[in-house]
C-alpha cells in the first residue's frame, strides 16, 4: 500500500508533518554548520600556506 493511498488519522498526519518539518530544519542547520566549517577550514589552509611560503623564502 503506497503512502499516497494510505488512510491516516488527522493526528498521524500532524505527527508526520511535525517530523518532516523537524527533519527539514535539522537539515538546514547541518548545511549552515557545514558551510561555516568549510569556510573556517579554507581560512586555516590559507594561513598554513602563507606560513609555508614565508618559511621557504
PDB file of N, CA and C in Angstrom:
ATOM      1  N   UNK A   1       0.848  -1.184   0.000  1.00  0.00           N
ATOM      2  CA  UNK A   1       0.000   0.000   0.000  1.00  0.00           C
ATOM      3  C   UNK A   1       0.891   1.243   0.000  1.00  0.00           C
ATOM      4  N   UNK A   2       0.683   2.119  -0.947  1.00  0.00           N
ATOM      5  CA  UNK A   2       1.512   3.323  -1.014  1.00  0.00           C
ATOM      6  C   UNK A   2       1.059   4.342   0.017  1.00  0.00           C
ATOM      7  N   UNK A   3       1.974   5.230   0.373  1.00  0.00           N
ATOM      8  CA  UNK A   3       1.654   6.265   1.363  1.00  0.00           C
ATOM      9  C   UNK A   3       0.561   7.192   0.846  1.00  0.00           C
ATOM     10  N   UNK A   4       0.527   7.408  -0.464  1.00  0.00           N
ATOM     11  CA  UNK A   4      -0.500   8.282  -1.049  1.00  0.00           C
ATOM     12  C   UNK A   4      -1.901   7.740  -0.790  1.00  0.00           C
ATOM     13  N   UNK A   5      -2.052   6.457  -0.929  1.00  0.00           N
ATOM     14  CA  UNK A   5      -3.374   5.847  -0.810  1.00  0.00           C
ATOM     15  C   UNK A   5      -3.722   5.437   0.615  1.00  0.00           C
ATOM     16  N   UNK A   6      -2.757   5.523   1.512  1.00  0.00           N
ATOM     17  CA  UNK A   6      -2.995   5.099   2.892  1.00  0.00           C
ATOM     18  C   UNK A   6      -3.929   6.085   3.584  1.00  0.00           C
ATOM     19  N   UNK A   7      -4.734   5.567   4.471  1.00  0.00           N
ATOM     20  CA  UNK A   7      -5.658   6.407   5.243  1.00  0.00           C
ATOM     21  C   UNK A   7      -5.046   6.651   6.617  1.00  0.00           C
ATOM     22  N   UNK A   8      -4.596   7.876   6.834  1.00  0.00           N
ATOM     23  CA  UNK A   8      -4.023   8.242   8.123  1.00  0.00           C
ATOM     24  C   UNK A   8      -5.011   9.106   8.889  1.00  0.00           C
ATOM     25  N   UNK A   9      -4.989   8.978  10.205  1.00  0.00           N
ATOM     26  CA  UNK A   9      -5.826   9.849  11.031  1.00  0.00           C
ATOM     27  C   UNK A   9      -5.213  11.247  11.032  1.00  0.00           C
ATOM     28  N   UNK A  10      -6.011  12.243  11.404  1.00  0.00           N
ATOM     29  CA  UNK A  10      -5.507  13.617  11.462  1.00  0.00           C
ATOM     30  C   UNK A  10      -4.313  13.721  12.396  1.00  0.00           C
ATOM     31  N   UNK A  11      -4.381  13.009  13.525  1.00  0.00           N
ATOM     32  CA  UNK A  11      -3.280  13.044  14.482  1.00  0.00           C
ATOM     33  C   UNK A  11      -2.006  12.474  13.868  1.00  0.00           C
ATOM     34  N   UNK A  12      -2.138  11.378  13.152  1.00  0.00           N
ATOM     35  CA  UNK A  12      -0.976  10.767  12.500  1.00  0.00           C
ATOM     36  C   UNK A  12      -0.404  11.709  11.454  1.00  0.00           C
ATOM     37  N   UNK A  13      -1.277  12.361  10.690  1.00  0.00           N
ATOM     38  CA  UNK A  13      -0.817  13.316   9.680  1.00  0.00           C
ATOM     39  C   UNK A  13      -0.077  14.486  10.324  1.00  0.00           C
ATOM     40  N   UNK A  14      -0.564  14.946  11.478  1.00  0.00           N
ATOM     41  CA  UNK A  14       0.109  16.037  12.191  1.00  0.00           C
ATOM     42  C   UNK A  14       1.499  15.599  12.641  1.00  0.00           C
ATOM     43  N   UNK A  15       1.589  14.384  13.149  1.00  0.00           N
ATOM     44  CA  UNK A  15       2.880  13.858  13.599  1.00  0.00           C
ATOM     45  C   UNK A  15       3.843  13.753  12.419  1.00  0.00           C
ATOM     46  N   UNK A  16       3.349  13.240  11.298  1.00  0.00           N
ATOM     47  CA  UNK A  16       4.185  13.122  10.094  1.00  0.00           C
ATOM     48  C   UNK A  16       4.667  14.501   9.660  1.00  0.00           C
ATOM     49  N   UNK A  17       3.776  15.481   9.675  1.00  0.00           N
ATOM     50  CA  UNK A  17       4.138  16.842   9.276  1.00  0.00           C
ATOM     51  C   UNK A  17       5.187  17.431  10.225  1.00  0.00           C
ATOM     52  N   UNK A  18       5.002  17.224  11.531  1.00  0.00           N
ATOM     53  CA  UNK A  18       5.967  17.727  12.511  1.00  0.00           C
ATOM     54  C   UNK A  18       7.334  17.077  12.322  1.00  0.00           C
ATOM     55  N   UNK A  19       7.335  15.777  12.083  1.00  0.00           N
ATOM     56  CA  UNK A  19       8.598  15.075  11.848  1.00  0.00           C
ATOM     57  C   UNK A  19       9.276  15.575  10.577  1.00  0.00           C
ATOM     58  N   UNK A  20       8.493  15.748   9.530  1.00  0.00           N
ATOM     59  CA  UNK A  20       9.028  16.242   8.260  1.00  0.00           C
ATOM     60  C   UNK A  20       9.631  17.628   8.438  1.00  0.00           C
ATOM     61  N   UNK A  21       8.909  18.500   9.130  1.00  0.00           N
ATOM     62  CA  UNK A  21       9.416  19.853   9.370  1.00  0.00           C
ATOM     63  C   UNK A  21      10.674  19.829  10.226  1.00  0.00           C
ATOM     64  N   UNK A  22      10.698  18.954  11.216  1.00  0.00           N
ATOM     65  CA  UNK A  22      11.880  18.823  12.066  1.00  0.00           C
ATOM     66  C   UNK A  22      13.095  18.360  11.284  1.00  0.00           C
ATOM     67  N   UNK A  23      12.885  17.410  10.392  1.00  0.00           N
ATOM     68  CA  UNK A  23      13.982  16.909   9.562  1.00  0.00           C
ATOM     69  C   UNK A  23      14.483  18.013   8.628  1.00  0.00           C
ATOM     70  N   UNK A  24      13.555  18.764   8.035  1.00  0.00           N
ATOM     71  CA  UNK A  24      13.947  19.869   7.144  1.00  0.00           C
ATOM     72  C   UNK A  24      14.761  20.912   7.901  1.00  0.00           C
ATOM     73  N   UNK A  25      14.311  21.259   9.103  1.00  0.00           N
ATOM     74  CA  UNK A  25      15.013  22.260   9.911  1.00  0.00           C
ATOM     75  C   UNK A  25      16.405  21.758  10.298  1.00  0.00           C
ATOM     76  N   UNK A  26      16.482  20.510  10.721  1.00  0.00           N
ATOM     77  CA  UNK A  26      17.773  19.933  11.097  1.00  0.00           C
ATOM     78  C   UNK A  26      18.715  19.908   9.897  1.00  0.00           C
ATOM     79  N   UNK A  27      18.180  19.586   8.737  1.00  0.00           N
ATOM     80  CA  UNK A  27      18.977  19.553   7.517  1.00  0.00           C
ATOM     81  C   UNK A  27      19.550  20.931   7.203  1.00  0.00           C
ATOM     82  N   UNK A  28      18.731  21.961   7.332  1.00  0.00           N
ATOM     83  CA  UNK A  28      19.188  23.333   7.089  1.00  0.00           C
ATOM     84  C   UNK A  28      20.275  23.726   8.085  1.00  0.00           C
ATOM     85  N   UNK A  29      20.088  23.358   9.348  1.00  0.00           N
ATOM     86  CA  UNK A  29      21.084  23.684  10.374  1.00  0.00           C
ATOM     87  C   UNK A  29      22.411  22.981  10.087  1.00  0.00           C
ATOM     88  N   UNK A  30      22.336  21.741   9.653  1.00  0.00           N
ATOM     89  CA  UNK A  30      23.549  20.987   9.323  1.00  0.00           C
ATOM     90  C   UNK A  30      24.255  21.632   8.134  1.00  0.00           C
ATOM     91  N   UNK A  31      23.482  22.039   7.123  1.00  0.00           N
ATOM     92  CA  UNK A  31      24.080  22.702   5.954  1.00  0.00           C
ATOM     93  C   UNK A  31      24.779  23.991   6.361  1.00  0.00           C
ATOM     94  N   UNK A  32      24.140  24.780   7.226  1.00  0.00           N
ATOM     95  CA  UNK A  32      24.736  26.041   7.689  1.00  0.00           C
ATOM     96  C   UNK A  32      26.043  25.783   8.431  1.00  0.00           C
ATOM     97  N   UNK A  33      26.028  24.803   9.322  1.00  0.00           N
ATOM     98  CA  UNK A  33      27.239  24.491  10.090  1.00  0.00           C
ATOM     99  C   UNK A  33      28.338  23.959   9.182  1.00  0.00           C
ATOM    100  N   UNK A  34      27.974  23.123   8.228  1.00  0.00           N
ATOM    101  CA  UNK A  34      28.964  22.583   7.298  1.00  0.00           C
ATOM    102  C   UNK A  34      29.602  23.710   6.499  1.00  0.00           C
ATOM    103  N   UNK A  35      28.799  24.683   6.086  1.00  0.00           N
ATOM    104  CA  UNK A  35      29.324  25.832   5.345  1.00  0.00           C
ATOM    105  C   UNK A  35      30.286  26.631   6.211  1.00  0.00           C
ATOM    106  N   UNK A  36      29.918  26.856   7.471  1.00  0.00           N
ATOM    107  CA  UNK A  36      30.801  27.596   8.386  1.00  0.00           C
ATOM    108  C   UNK A  36      32.121  26.858   8.587  1.00  0.00           C
ATOM    109  N   UNK A  37      32.048  25.544   8.791  1.00  0.00           N
ATOM    110  CA  UNK A  37      33.266  24.763   8.998  1.00  0.00           C
ATOM    111  C   UNK A  37      34.125  24.753   7.738  1.00  0.00           C
ATOM    112  N   UNK A  38      33.472  24.682   6.588  1.00  0.00           N
ATOM    113  CA  UNK A  38      34.208  24.683   5.323  1.00  0.00           C
ATOM    114  C   UNK A  38      34.959  26.007   5.148  1.00  0.00           C
ATOM    115  N   UNK A  39      34.283  27.119   5.451  1.00  0.00           N
ATOM    116  CA  UNK A  39      34.928  28.433   5.344  1.00  0.00           C
ATOM    117  C   UNK A  39      36.074  28.562   6.338  1.00  0.00           C
ATOM    118  N   UNK A  40      35.863  28.074   7.556  1.00  0.00           N
ATOM    119  CA  UNK A  40      36.914  28.125   8.571  1.00  0.00           C
ATOM    120  C   UNK A  40      38.122  27.299   8.139  1.00  0.00           C
ATOM    121  N   UNK A  41      37.864  26.141   7.571  1.00  0.00           N
ATOM    122  CA  UNK A  41      38.951  25.286   7.101  1.00  0.00           C
ATOM    123  C   UNK A  41      39.726  25.966   5.978  1.00  0.00           C
ATOM    124  N   UNK A  42      39.011  26.624   5.074  1.00  0.00           N
ATOM    125  CA  UNK A  42      39.678  27.348   3.986  1.00  0.00           C
ATOM    126  C   UNK A  42      40.580  28.446   4.536  1.00  0.00           C
ATOM    127  N   UNK A  43      40.108  29.149   5.561  1.00  0.00           N
ATOM    128  CA  UNK A  43      40.923  30.200   6.180  1.00  0.00           C
ATOM    129  C   UNK A  43      42.171  29.606   6.833  1.00  0.00           C
ATOM    130  N   UNK A  44      42.009  28.481   7.510  1.00  0.00           N
ATOM    131  CA  UNK A  44      43.165  27.817   8.129  1.00  0.00           C
ATOM    132  C   UNK A  44      44.171  27.369   7.075  1.00  0.00           C
ATOM    133  N   UNK A  45      43.663  26.876   5.948  1.00  0.00           N
ATOM    134  CA  UNK A  45      44.558  26.446   4.876  1.00  0.00           C
ATOM    135  C   UNK A  45      45.325  27.635   4.304  1.00  0.00           C
ATOM    136  N   UNK A  46      44.660  28.792   4.188  1.00  0.00           N
ATOM    137  CA  UNK A  46      45.337  29.999   3.698  1.00  0.00           C
ATOM    138  C   UNK A  46      46.464  30.394   4.648  1.00  0.00           C
ATOM    139  N   UNK A  47      46.177  30.351   5.950  1.00  0.00           N
ATOM    140  CA  UNK A  47      47.188  30.702   6.954  1.00  0.00           C
ATOM    141  C   UNK A  47      48.361  29.731   6.862  1.00  0.00           C
ATOM    142  N   UNK A  48      48.061  28.445   6.768  1.00  0.00           N
ATOM    143  CA  UNK A  48      49.092  27.416   6.684  1.00  0.00           C
ATOM    144  C   UNK A  48      49.944  27.630   5.437  1.00  0.00           C
ATOM    145  N   UNK A  49      49.292  27.918   4.302  1.00  0.00           N
ATOM    146  CA  UNK A  49      50.015  28.130   3.053  1.00  0.00           C
ATOM    147  C   UNK A  49      50.912  29.359   3.144  1.00  0.00           C
ATOM    148  N   UNK A  50      50.429  30.416   3.784  1.00  0.00           N
ATOM    149  CA  UNK A  50      51.242  31.628   3.893  1.00  0.00           C
ATOM    150  C   UNK A  50      52.461  31.379   4.777  1.00  0.00           C
ATOM    151  N   UNK A  51      52.312  30.577   5.820  1.00  0.00           N
ATOM    152  CA  UNK A  51      53.453  30.243   6.678  1.00  0.00           C
ATOM    153  C   UNK A  51      54.473  29.409   5.904  1.00  0.00           C
ATOM    154  N   UNK A  52      53.977  28.479   5.082  1.00  0.00           N
ATOM    155  CA  UNK A  52      54.876  27.646   4.283  1.00  0.00           C
ATOM    156  C   UNK A  52      55.627  28.504   3.277  1.00  0.00           C
ATOM    157  N   UNK A  53      54.928  29.454   2.678  1.00  0.00           N
ATOM    158  CA  UNK A  53      55.558  30.337   1.693  1.00  0.00           C
ATOM    159  C   UNK A  53      56.651  31.172   2.357  1.00  0.00           C
ATOM    160  N   UNK A  54      56.351  31.714   3.540  1.00  0.00           N
ATOM    161  CA  UNK A  54      57.337  32.520   4.270  1.00  0.00           C
ATOM    162  C   UNK A  54      58.531  31.663   4.703  1.00  0.00           C
ATOM    163  N   UNK A  55      58.273  30.435   5.091  1.00  0.00           N
ATOM    164  CA  UNK A  55      59.337  29.548   5.562  1.00  0.00           C
ATOM    165  C   UNK A  55      60.282  29.175   4.423  1.00  0.00           C
ATOM    166  N   UNK A  56      59.762  29.099   3.214  1.00  0.00           N
ATOM    167  CA  UNK A  56      60.574  28.702   2.062  1.00  0.00           C
ATOM    168  C   UNK A  56      61.348  29.870   1.467  1.00  0.00           C
ATOM    169  N   UNK A  57      61.033  31.093   1.838  1.00  0.00           N
ATOM    170  CA  UNK A  57      61.717  32.270   1.268  1.00  0.00           C
ATOM    171  C   UNK A  57      62.929  32.665   2.050  1.00  0.00           C
TER     172      UNK A  57
END
